[in-house]
Protein backbone atom coordinates (compact mmCIF):
# COMPACT_ATOMS: atom_id res chain seq x y z
CA MET A 1 -52.37 146.45 57.08
CA ARG A 2 -49.93 147.35 53.70
CA SER A 3 -50.32 145.90 50.74
CA GLU A 4 -46.88 144.41 51.50
CA ASP A 5 -48.10 142.26 54.42
CA ILE A 6 -51.47 141.60 53.05
CA THR A 7 -50.02 139.90 49.71
CA PHE A 8 -47.14 138.10 52.08
CA LEU A 9 -50.37 136.77 53.40
CA PHE A 10 -51.67 135.16 50.48
CA PHE A 11 -48.07 134.24 49.31
CA ILE A 12 -47.36 131.95 52.00
CA PRO A 13 -50.44 129.48 51.45
CA TYR A 14 -49.39 129.16 48.31
CA CYS A 15 -45.93 128.30 48.83
CA ILE A 16 -47.78 125.72 51.60
CA ILE A 17 -49.46 124.33 48.43
CA SER A 18 -47.38 124.20 46.15
CA ILE A 19 -44.76 122.58 48.58
CA SER A 20 -47.75 119.81 49.20
CA ILE A 21 -48.71 119.20 45.58
CA SER A 22 -45.10 118.95 44.49
CA MET A 23 -44.40 116.44 47.75
CA LYS A 24 -47.90 114.25 46.73
CA LYS A 25 -46.53 114.00 43.24
CA SER A 26 -43.39 112.81 43.98
CA ASN A 27 -44.71 110.10 46.38
CA ILE A 28 -47.18 108.97 43.64
CA GLN A 29 -44.16 108.96 41.34
CA LYS A 30 -42.18 106.42 43.37
CA ARG A 31 -45.45 104.12 44.39
CA HIS A 32 -46.42 104.10 40.70
CA ARG A 33 -42.54 102.78 39.71
CA ALA A 34 -42.54 100.59 43.10
CA TYR A 35 -45.57 98.44 41.91
CA ASN A 36 -44.62 98.84 38.50
CA PRO A 37 -44.94 94.31 37.11
CA MET A 38 -42.99 94.61 34.08
CA LYS A 39 -39.95 96.12 36.06
CA GLY A 40 -39.09 92.63 37.83
CA ILE A 41 -40.08 90.71 34.36
CA ASN A 42 -37.41 93.18 32.52
CA TYR A 43 -34.81 92.44 35.16
CA ALA A 44 -34.94 88.63 34.90
CA ASN A 45 -34.81 89.10 30.98
CA ARG A 46 -31.55 90.70 31.29
CA GLN A 47 -29.82 88.66 33.14
CA ALA A 48 -31.10 85.43 31.88
CA ARG A 49 -29.10 86.97 28.38
CA ASN A 50 -26.24 87.75 30.22
CA MET A 51 -26.05 84.03 31.41
CA PHE A 52 -26.39 83.01 28.25
CA MET A 53 -23.55 85.54 26.70
CA VAL A 54 -21.31 84.04 29.41
CA VAL A 55 -22.33 80.51 29.12
CA PHE A 56 -21.67 80.37 25.19
CA ALA A 57 -18.41 82.56 25.30
CA VAL A 58 -17.58 79.83 27.59
CA PHE A 59 -18.28 76.90 25.30
CA GLY A 60 -17.18 78.66 22.34
CA VAL A 61 -13.58 78.82 23.35
CA VAL A 62 -13.83 75.93 24.79
CA MET A 63 -14.51 74.44 21.78
CA ILE A 64 -12.09 76.21 19.55
CA LEU A 65 -9.12 75.38 21.78
CA SER A 66 -10.78 71.85 21.44
CA ALA A 67 -10.64 71.90 17.58
CA LEU A 68 -7.07 73.19 18.05
CA LEU A 69 -5.54 70.16 20.21
CA ASP A 70 -8.23 67.35 18.88
CA HIS A 71 -6.95 67.86 15.07
CA SER A 72 -3.17 68.83 15.95
CA PHE A 73 -2.59 66.14 18.84
CA LEU A 74 -5.16 63.50 19.36
CA ALA A 75 -5.65 62.88 15.63
CA ALA A 76 -2.89 60.30 15.18
CA GLY A 77 -4.39 57.74 17.23
CA GLY A 78 -7.59 58.14 15.36
CA SER A 79 -9.49 57.07 11.79
CA GLY A 80 -9.55 59.23 8.41
CA LEU A 81 -6.72 61.19 6.74
CA SER A 82 -5.46 62.81 9.99
CA LEU A 83 -2.04 65.21 9.51
CA ALA A 84 -0.19 61.89 10.80
CA SER A 85 -1.48 59.93 8.29
CA MET A 86 -0.42 62.21 5.23
CA ALA A 87 3.00 62.46 7.50
CA LEU A 88 3.41 58.78 6.28
CA LEU A 89 2.04 59.12 3.15
CA GLY A 90 4.96 62.50 1.92
CA HIS A 91 5.08 63.73 -0.49
CA LEU A 92 3.36 62.99 -4.04
CA ASP A 93 5.33 63.69 -7.20
CA ASP A 94 4.70 64.01 -11.26
CA VAL A 95 5.34 61.00 -12.81
CA SER A 96 6.35 61.23 -16.89
CA ASP A 97 4.41 60.04 -19.95
CA LYS A 98 6.15 57.21 -19.89
CA ASP A 99 3.91 56.00 -17.02
CA THR A 100 0.10 57.63 -17.72
CA HIS A 101 -0.18 55.79 -21.39
CA GLY A 102 -3.58 53.83 -21.40
CA SER A 103 -4.12 50.46 -22.87
CA ASP A 104 -2.00 48.52 -20.23
CA ILE A 105 -3.59 46.21 -18.59
CA SER A 106 -2.81 42.68 -20.06
CA TYR A 107 -5.83 40.80 -22.14
CA ILE A 108 -4.92 37.96 -19.45
CA VAL A 109 -7.14 37.98 -16.47
CA TYR A 110 -8.05 35.75 -14.15
CA LEU A 111 -10.94 35.06 -12.13
CA VAL A 112 -11.91 32.68 -9.30
CA ALA A 113 -15.18 32.18 -8.28
CA LEU A 114 -15.60 32.32 -4.04
CA ASP A 115 -17.03 28.36 -4.44
CA GLN A 116 -13.72 27.69 -4.92
CA ILE A 117 -11.63 29.31 -2.20
CA ASP A 118 -11.15 26.71 1.11
CA ARG A 119 -12.55 28.57 3.98
CA THR A 120 -11.14 27.03 6.34
CA LYS A 121 -8.33 29.33 6.22
CA GLU A 122 -8.22 32.44 6.96
CA PHE A 123 -7.98 34.83 4.12
CA PRO A 124 -5.26 37.23 3.71
CA GLN A 125 -4.97 40.97 4.28
CA PRO A 126 -3.57 43.36 3.35
CA ASN A 127 -0.33 44.86 4.88
CA ALA A 128 1.11 48.08 5.05
CA ASN A 129 2.17 47.97 1.71
CA ARG A 130 -0.78 47.26 0.02
CA GLU A 131 0.45 43.51 0.08
CA VAL A 132 -2.27 40.22 -0.07
CA ALA A 133 -0.11 36.93 0.48
CA PRO A 134 -1.79 34.17 -1.84
CA ILE A 135 -5.10 33.02 -1.05
CA HIS A 136 -5.99 28.97 -0.18
CA LEU A 137 -8.09 27.08 -2.44
CA LYS A 138 -9.61 24.14 -2.46
CA SER A 139 -7.70 20.67 -3.24
CA SER A 140 -8.13 20.75 -7.09
CA GLU A 141 -9.17 24.48 -7.55
CA ILE A 142 -7.30 26.57 -9.91
CA PRO A 143 -8.22 30.13 -11.30
CA HIS A 144 -9.27 29.87 -14.25
CA TYR A 145 -7.81 32.73 -17.09
CA PHE A 146 -9.95 34.15 -19.80
CA GLU A 147 -8.70 35.76 -22.87
CA ALA A 148 -10.00 39.18 -23.86
CA HIS A 149 -10.49 40.07 -27.14
CA ASP A 150 -9.55 44.23 -26.77
CA ILE A 151 -8.10 46.30 -23.42
CA PRO A 152 -9.88 45.28 -20.65
CA THR A 153 -10.86 48.36 -18.36
CA PHE A 154 -10.73 49.22 -14.59
CA THR A 155 -12.43 52.66 -13.28
CA GLY A 156 -12.80 53.30 -9.45
CA THR A 157 -14.71 56.33 -8.38
CA THR A 158 -15.16 58.07 -4.74
CA GLU A 159 -18.10 60.77 -4.20
CA LYS A 160 -19.14 62.25 -0.96
CA GLY A 161 -22.58 62.57 -0.14
CA ASP A 162 -25.08 64.37 2.54
CA ILE A 163 -23.46 61.85 5.01
CA THR A 164 -20.53 59.90 3.92
CA THR A 165 -18.07 58.70 0.74
CA THR A 166 -19.20 56.17 -1.41
CA GLY A 167 -17.18 54.15 -4.56
CA GLU A 168 -17.77 51.72 -6.91
CA ASN A 169 -14.98 49.62 -8.77
CA ASN A 170 -15.63 48.28 -12.14
CA PHE A 171 -13.72 45.99 -14.88
CA VAL A 172 -15.31 45.56 -17.83
CA LEU A 173 -13.71 42.35 -20.16
CA ILE A 174 -14.61 42.16 -23.89
CA MET A 175 -14.79 38.40 -24.82
CA GLY A 176 -14.45 37.67 -28.66
CA GLY A 177 -16.86 34.86 -30.82
CA ALA A 178 -20.27 33.36 -29.43
CA ARG A 179 -18.94 30.16 -28.27
CA THR A 180 -20.15 27.83 -25.82
CA GLU A 181 -17.96 27.77 -23.29
CA LEU A 182 -18.81 31.67 -23.29
CA TYR A 183 -22.35 31.11 -23.56
CA ASN A 184 -22.24 28.36 -20.68
CA PHE A 185 -20.22 30.90 -18.15
CA ILE A 186 -22.66 33.54 -18.69
CA GLU A 187 -26.02 31.66 -17.81
CA GLU A 188 -23.99 29.64 -14.83
CA TYR A 189 -22.54 32.82 -13.28
CA SER A 190 -24.40 36.20 -13.93
CA GLY A 191 -24.78 37.50 -10.55
CA GLY A 192 -21.76 35.61 -9.64
CA LYS A 193 -19.10 36.68 -7.18
CA PHE A 194 -15.54 36.46 -8.38
CA ILE A 195 -12.07 37.71 -7.15
CA LEU A 196 -10.30 38.59 -10.02
CA PHE A 197 -5.97 38.91 -10.76
CA PHE A 198 -5.36 41.77 -13.64
CA LYS A 199 -1.38 42.45 -14.32
CA HIS A 200 0.15 45.41 -16.30
CA ILE A 201 1.98 44.52 -19.81
CA LYS A 202 5.66 43.56 -19.23
CA LYS A 203 5.34 44.19 -14.74
CA LYS A 204 6.03 41.44 -12.57
CA GLU A 205 3.28 42.32 -9.98
CA TRP A 206 -0.44 40.99 -9.97
CA PHE A 207 -3.24 43.15 -9.15
CA ILE A 208 -5.88 41.53 -6.90
CA LEU A 209 -9.60 43.09 -6.70
CA GLY A 210 -12.20 41.93 -4.18
CA GLU A 211 -12.74 39.64 -1.27
CA LEU A 212 -14.03 37.01 0.41
CA GLU A 213 -16.23 39.24 2.54
CA ARG A 214 -16.13 42.23 -0.56
CA PRO A 215 -16.02 40.16 -3.52
CA ILE A 216 -16.89 41.83 -7.47
CA ILE A 217 -20.16 41.08 -8.59
CA LEU A 218 -20.85 39.91 -12.35
CA SER A 219 -23.34 42.41 -13.17
CA ASN A 220 -23.86 42.87 -16.41
CA THR A 221 -23.72 41.33 -19.86
CA GLU A 222 -23.91 42.43 -22.76
CA THR A 223 -23.50 39.43 -25.69
CA LYS A 224 -23.74 40.82 -29.75
CA ASP A 225 -24.04 38.50 -32.51
CA ASP A 226 -24.61 41.28 -35.49
CA LYS A 227 -23.20 43.23 -38.48
CA ASP A 228 -20.90 45.40 -35.67
CA GLY A 229 -19.48 42.16 -34.75
CA ARG A 230 -19.80 39.06 -32.39
CA TYR A 231 -18.39 39.46 -29.17
CA THR A 232 -19.88 39.60 -25.22
CA THR A 233 -18.92 42.37 -22.90
CA LEU A 234 -18.32 41.46 -18.82
CA THR A 235 -19.00 44.31 -16.52
CA PHE A 236 -18.16 43.09 -12.94
CA LYS A 237 -18.46 45.82 -10.08
CA ARG A 238 -17.93 45.76 -6.52
CA SER A 239 -19.31 48.80 -4.45
CA SER A 240 -16.20 50.19 -2.19
CA VAL A 241 -14.01 52.46 -2.23
CA ASP A 242 -10.99 50.37 -1.31
CA LEU A 243 -8.95 50.25 -5.25
CA PRO A 244 -6.79 46.72 -6.57
CA LEU A 245 -4.11 46.07 -4.25
CA ILE A 246 -0.45 43.89 -5.24
CA TYR A 247 -1.32 40.26 -4.72
CA THR A 248 2.18 38.46 -3.65
CA GLY A 249 1.43 35.66 -5.61
CA ASN A 250 0.97 34.47 -9.35
CA PRO A 251 -2.41 32.67 -10.55
CA ALA A 252 -1.04 31.33 -13.31
CA VAL A 253 0.87 28.96 -11.76
CA THR A 254 -1.04 26.50 -10.64
CA ALA A 255 0.95 23.38 -8.54
CA ALA A 256 3.56 24.25 -5.92
CA THR A 257 6.98 23.49 -6.33
CA ALA A 258 8.39 20.65 -3.73
CA ILE A 259 10.91 21.14 -2.05
CA THR A 260 13.26 17.58 -1.27
CA ALA A 261 12.61 16.90 2.61
CA GLY A 262 15.36 18.22 4.67
CA ALA A 263 16.60 20.13 2.58
CA THR A 264 18.38 23.96 4.09
CA ASP A 265 17.94 25.55 1.10
CA ILE A 266 15.67 27.07 -0.96
CA ALA A 267 16.22 26.52 -4.58
CA ILE A 268 14.42 28.91 -7.00
CA THR A 269 13.26 28.24 -10.26
CA ALA A 270 12.20 30.93 -12.92
CA GLY A 271 8.92 29.22 -13.60
CA SER A 272 7.70 29.08 -9.99
CA ASN A 273 7.13 31.58 -7.22
CA THR A 274 5.39 29.20 -4.59
CA TYR A 275 7.07 25.70 -2.81
CA THR A 276 5.96 23.28 -0.66
CA ILE A 277 8.09 23.27 2.27
CA PRO A 278 7.70 18.74 3.73
CA ASN A 279 8.38 16.50 6.86
CA GLY A 280 11.66 16.47 8.06
CA THR A 281 13.04 12.77 7.31
CA SER A 282 14.89 12.37 10.83
CA SER A 283 14.44 15.85 12.15
CA ALA A 284 13.44 19.18 11.44
CA ALA A 285 15.45 20.88 8.78
CA ALA A 286 16.86 24.41 8.95
CA ILE A 287 16.52 26.42 5.77
CA ALA A 288 19.02 28.66 5.49
CA THR A 289 19.88 29.96 2.47
CA VAL A 290 18.45 30.12 -0.57
CA SER A 291 19.72 30.01 -4.74
CA GLY A 292 19.34 30.26 -7.65
CA LEU A 293 18.15 34.11 -8.10
CA SER A 294 19.29 36.08 -10.03
CA LYS A 295 19.34 40.95 -10.50
CA SER A 296 16.15 40.45 -12.45
CA ASP A 297 14.13 38.47 -10.08
CA LYS A 298 14.64 41.57 -7.82
CA GLY A 299 10.97 42.55 -6.22
CA ARG A 300 10.17 39.26 -7.40
CA TYR A 301 7.00 37.30 -4.69
CA ILE A 302 8.75 33.69 -3.65
CA THR A 303 5.83 32.14 -1.51
CA LEU A 304 6.34 28.74 1.30
CA ILE A 305 3.60 26.29 1.99
CA GLY A 306 3.93 24.00 5.05
CA ALA A 307 3.28 20.67 4.99
CA GLY A 308 5.35 19.45 7.77
CA THR A 309 4.04 16.87 10.84
CA ASP A 310 5.90 16.27 13.70
CA LYS A 311 9.51 17.00 12.00
CA ALA A 312 8.56 20.79 10.22
CA ALA A 313 11.39 22.49 8.67
CA THR A 314 11.91 26.20 10.01
CA ILE A 315 13.20 29.04 9.07
CA ALA A 316 14.92 31.50 11.21
CA ASP A 317 15.23 35.52 10.89
CA GLY A 318 18.59 36.33 9.60
CA ALA A 319 21.27 37.63 6.94
CA THR A 320 18.76 35.68 4.15
CA PHE A 321 15.73 35.53 5.69
CA VAL A 322 15.00 38.82 7.29
CA LEU A 323 11.67 38.07 8.77
CA GLU A 324 8.64 40.62 10.74
CA GLU A 325 9.94 40.79 14.34
CA GLY A 326 12.69 37.97 14.11
CA ALA A 327 9.83 35.60 14.67
CA THR A 328 11.06 32.45 13.33
CA TRP A 329 8.49 30.37 11.08
CA THR A 330 7.91 26.77 11.22
CA ALA A 331 6.45 25.19 7.78
CA LYS A 332 3.11 23.19 9.74
CA THR A 333 0.78 22.22 7.27
CA GLY A 334 -1.20 25.16 6.59
CA ALA A 335 1.12 27.44 7.46
CA THR A 336 2.73 29.48 4.33
CA ILE A 337 4.94 32.53 4.14
CA THR A 338 5.86 35.06 1.36
CA PHE A 339 8.96 36.58 0.60
CA ARG A 340 10.02 39.45 -1.46
CA VAL A 341 13.47 39.03 -3.44
CA LEU A 342 16.19 42.60 -2.50
CA ASP A 343 18.42 40.50 -3.83
CA THR A 344 20.03 37.65 -5.09
CA THR A 345 20.59 36.18 -1.34
CA THR A 346 17.91 38.26 0.13
CA LEU A 347 14.35 37.72 0.82
CA VAL A 348 12.42 40.11 3.11
CA GLU A 349 9.16 38.59 4.61
CA VAL A 350 5.55 40.14 3.33
CA SER A 351 3.27 38.11 5.05
CA ARG A 352 2.65 34.53 6.67
CA THR A 353 -0.28 33.21 8.58
CA GLU A 354 0.27 30.36 11.29
CA ALA A 355 -1.10 26.79 11.49
């Protein structure tokens, strides 16, 4: 036998063994991969991550669209300073130094204690122009004025906290002298609750600070009688973000002027902004005109108080009296209506209360 044949005979078994070993290794690797316990877990983790990313993306798109749509279309019906309310506010221009001078509050300030208010009648609320109708006091009660020794000061602050915005009103009044009446007021009303009225010099309109459910409180008093002087500092405070409102009444006027029964004209006088409309004599009067006004009365507030019963006078919408939604007002006992003077022959309704 040739040597080549012997070599070939030895080579054939070697190849068979090599192929068998190779197939065996391959089978072992396949079995090892198939039975790897981590493979299924890794697959589940990948699928969970993919699902999370898909859900997160969907919610993200929805939130972005919701924010855009809510802010532009839905915010008009919500509360707060939305785009719609900013549109109503309009632009705010600067003013001249004439309108920024300090020390402009009048020395005369009026106070009404809560126990003076007639709680059987609704406490007036401001309209869209921040105007508040006259408040109802008990019979024989009047606002009491305090004449300050130094110019009163008002400050209103707001501050944004972690959750919401808080605010505070402060009104400081310095009363001069060491007087019995002043000391009695301090002892009796420290911590007392009030409605406060003040105005600016040479201005017709009054401002009201406080309301029945959130009055301004005499929170601090400091009385001094030393070498520096004799005076008392009264500090009134109120926790509120609300600022002073325009008062359509006049706290300086303590009595209403009576209109003649059956009269169809309201005769306005310089010293009175409040008028009582009595019951008619033979029939209910239809009040249609106003007289006694001049150009300087523009912006003045006139309040009518009803005192009628079965023949209560009425005021209808027309050229002289411009009423909200054209609704006729009836001067029954307990009813009031406040007008702003537009010109010498025209009064525009500001607010009203029905009996």
